[in-house]
Amino acid sequence: MMQTGDVAANTDHSRELRQELDVVEETLRLLLQLVLAPVKLASASSLETAAVWLLEREIMHWLTLGPFTRSEVIM
C-alpha cells in the first residue's frame, strides 16, 4: 500500500509533468502558427480577409491557453 508521502510525491510529479507538457504544447502551437501564417496570408484574396484571419487566429490562440502557459511567460 502506498504511503501518504508517496501519493503526495506522485501528485507533485504528475503536476510538474503536466506543466512541462503544457509548455511543449504551447511551443508547438506557436511554431505551427509561424509556419502557417505566411501561407495563409499569401493566399488571402484581400487585405480585409488577411486582417480578419489574423484577428481570429489571435483570439483563438488566447482562448486555448491556460493562465500559466501564456506566450509572454514562456518567452
Protein backbone atom coordinates (compact mmCIF):
# COMPACT_ATOMS: atom_id res chain seq x y z
CA MET A 1 0.00 0.00 0.00
CA MET A 2 1.29 3.49 -0.85
CA GLN A 3 2.25 5.86 1.92
CA THR A 4 0.79 9.36 2.12
CA GLY A 5 4.20 10.84 1.26
CA ASP A 6 4.43 8.66 -1.85
CA VAL A 7 1.00 9.76 -3.00
CA ALA A 8 1.89 13.42 -2.48
CA ALA A 9 5.19 12.96 -4.34
CA ASN A 10 3.42 11.25 -7.23
CA THR A 11 0.83 14.02 -7.35
CA ASP A 12 3.53 16.70 -7.40
CA HIS A 13 5.45 14.83 -10.09
CA SER A 14 2.29 14.45 -12.20
CA ARG A 15 1.52 18.15 -11.83
CA GLU A 16 5.07 19.13 -12.86
CA LEU A 17 4.95 16.76 -15.83
CA ARG A 18 1.62 18.21 -16.94
CA GLN A 19 3.01 21.74 -16.73
CA GLU A 20 6.03 20.72 -18.81
CA LEU A 21 3.76 19.12 -21.40
CA ASP A 22 1.65 22.29 -21.49
CA VAL A 23 4.78 24.33 -22.24
CA VAL A 24 5.77 21.94 -25.03
CA GLU A 25 2.24 22.09 -26.47
CA GLU A 26 2.26 25.89 -26.41
CA THR A 27 5.67 25.97 -28.10
CA LEU A 28 4.45 23.64 -30.85
CA ARG A 29 1.31 25.74 -31.35
CA LEU A 30 3.40 28.88 -31.75
CA LEU A 31 5.75 27.13 -34.19
CA LEU A 32 2.80 25.90 -36.23
CA GLN A 33 1.36 29.42 -36.35
CA LEU A 34 4.68 30.79 -37.57
CA VAL A 35 4.83 28.18 -40.32
CA LEU A 36 1.21 28.52 -41.44
CA ALA A 37 0.79 32.29 -41.16
CA PRO A 38 2.76 33.27 -44.31
CA VAL A 39 0.96 30.63 -46.38
CA LYS A 40 -2.47 31.70 -45.16
CA LEU A 41 -1.71 35.40 -45.59
CA ALA A 42 -0.29 34.90 -49.08
CA SER A 43 -3.40 33.00 -50.15
CA ALA A 44 -5.82 35.63 -48.80
CA SER A 45 -7.90 37.28 -51.51
CA SER A 46 -7.82 40.73 -49.89
CA LEU A 47 -6.24 42.71 -47.08
CA GLU A 48 -9.53 42.57 -45.16
CA THR A 49 -9.56 38.77 -45.35
CA ALA A 50 -5.98 38.62 -44.10
CA ALA A 51 -6.72 41.04 -41.25
CA VAL A 52 -9.80 39.07 -40.16
CA TRP A 53 -7.83 35.83 -40.27
CA LEU A 54 -5.03 37.30 -38.13
CA LEU A 55 -7.54 38.60 -35.59
CA GLU A 56 -9.39 35.27 -35.43
CA ARG A 57 -6.10 33.41 -35.05
CA GLU A 58 -5.03 35.66 -32.18
CA ILE A 59 -8.38 35.31 -30.42
CA MET A 60 -8.38 31.51 -30.74
CA HIS A 61 -4.79 31.38 -29.54
CA TRP A 62 -5.62 33.29 -26.36
CA LEU A 63 -8.80 31.32 -25.73
CA THR A 64 -6.97 27.99 -25.88
CA LEU A 65 -4.26 28.96 -23.40
CA GLY A 66 -4.33 28.43 -19.69
CA PRO A 67 -3.26 31.15 -17.26
CA PHE A 68 0.19 29.63 -16.72
CA THR A 69 1.09 28.96 -20.36
CA ARG A 70 0.78 32.40 -21.86
CA SER A 71 3.33 33.18 -24.55
CA GLU A 72 4.74 36.10 -22.58
CA VAL A 73 5.57 33.82 -19.67
CA ILE A 74 7.38 31.29 -21.86
CA MET A 75 9.41 33.85 -23.77
